[in-house]
């Protein structure tokens, strides 16, 4: 159960960082 939970947290953080990277790319394109 703990392993499943930590895996889910890793997936969530990976998605969050992916969104953050996309936001940075969009900001760079605007400039």
N, C-alpha and C. Protein backbone atom coordinates (compact mmCIF):
# COMPACT_ATOMS: atom_id res chain seq x y z
N UNK A 1 0.86 -1.20 0.00
CA UNK A 1 0.00 0.00 0.00
C UNK A 1 0.88 1.24 0.00
N UNK A 2 1.91 1.22 0.84
CA UNK A 2 2.79 2.40 0.92
C UNK A 2 3.49 2.63 -0.42
N UNK A 3 3.91 1.53 -1.04
CA UNK A 3 4.60 1.65 -2.34
C UNK A 3 3.65 2.26 -3.37
N UNK A 4 2.41 1.81 -3.38
CA UNK A 4 1.43 2.35 -4.32
C UNK A 4 1.23 3.84 -4.09
N UNK A 5 1.19 4.23 -2.83
CA UNK A 5 0.97 5.64 -2.49
C UNK A 5 2.14 6.49 -2.97
N UNK A 6 3.36 6.04 -2.70
CA UNK A 6 4.53 6.83 -3.10
C UNK A 6 4.61 6.90 -4.63
N UNK A 7 4.21 5.83 -5.30
CA UNK A 7 4.24 5.86 -6.77
C UNK A 7 3.26 6.90 -7.29
N UNK A 8 2.10 6.97 -6.65
CA UNK A 8 1.09 7.94 -7.08
C UNK A 8 1.60 9.36 -6.84
N UNK A 9 2.28 9.57 -5.72
CA UNK A 9 2.82 10.91 -5.42
C UNK A 9 3.87 11.27 -6.47
N UNK A 10 4.68 10.30 -6.86
CA UNK A 10 5.71 10.57 -7.88
C UNK A 10 5.06 10.96 -9.20
N UNK A 11 3.99 10.25 -9.56
CA UNK A 11 3.30 10.57 -10.81
C UNK A 11 2.71 11.98 -10.75
N UNK A 12 2.10 12.31 -9.61
CA UNK A 12 1.49 13.64 -9.46
C UNK A 12 2.54 14.73 -9.57
N UNK A 13 3.67 14.56 -8.89
CA UNK A 13 4.72 15.58 -8.93
C UNK A 13 5.30 15.66 -10.33
N UNK A 14 5.41 14.53 -11.02
CA UNK A 14 5.94 14.53 -12.39
C UNK A 14 5.01 15.34 -13.30
N UNK A 15 3.71 15.14 -13.13
CA UNK A 15 2.74 15.89 -13.93
C UNK A 15 2.83 17.37 -13.60
N UNK A 16 2.97 17.69 -12.31
CA UNK A 16 3.05 19.09 -11.89
C UNK A 16 4.28 19.76 -12.49
N UNK A 17 5.43 19.06 -12.42
CA UNK A 17 6.65 19.64 -12.98
C UNK A 17 6.52 19.79 -14.49
N UNK A 18 5.83 18.84 -15.13
CA UNK A 18 5.63 18.92 -16.57
C UNK A 18 4.82 20.16 -16.93
N UNK A 19 3.79 20.46 -16.16
CA UNK A 19 2.97 21.66 -16.39
C UNK A 19 3.82 22.90 -16.17
N UNK A 20 4.66 22.86 -15.14
CA UNK A 20 5.50 24.01 -14.83
C UNK A 20 6.47 24.26 -15.99
N UNK A 21 7.03 23.19 -16.53
CA UNK A 21 7.97 23.34 -17.66
C UNK A 21 7.24 23.94 -18.86
N UNK A 22 6.02 23.48 -19.13
CA UNK A 22 5.25 24.01 -20.25
C UNK A 22 4.98 25.49 -20.05
N UNK A 23 4.68 25.89 -18.82
CA UNK A 23 4.41 27.30 -18.53
C UNK A 23 5.66 28.13 -18.80
N UNK A 24 6.83 27.61 -18.42
CA UNK A 24 8.08 28.34 -18.67
C UNK A 24 8.31 28.49 -20.16
N UNK A 25 8.04 27.43 -20.91
CA UNK A 25 8.25 27.48 -22.36
C UNK A 25 7.31 28.52 -22.98
N UNK A 26 6.08 28.55 -22.54
CA UNK A 26 5.12 29.52 -23.07
C UNK A 26 5.58 30.94 -22.76
N UNK A 27 6.09 31.17 -21.56
CA UNK A 27 6.56 32.51 -21.19
C UNK A 27 7.74 32.91 -22.07
N UNK A 28 8.64 31.95 -22.32
CA UNK A 28 9.81 32.25 -23.15
C UNK A 28 9.38 32.59 -24.58
N UNK A 29 8.35 31.92 -25.08
CA UNK A 29 7.89 32.18 -26.44
C UNK A 29 7.27 33.58 -26.54
N UNK A 30 6.62 34.02 -25.48
CA UNK A 30 5.96 35.33 -25.50
C UNK A 30 6.99 36.45 -25.61
N UNK A 31 8.13 36.27 -24.97
CA UNK A 31 9.13 37.35 -24.96
C UNK A 31 9.76 37.53 -26.34
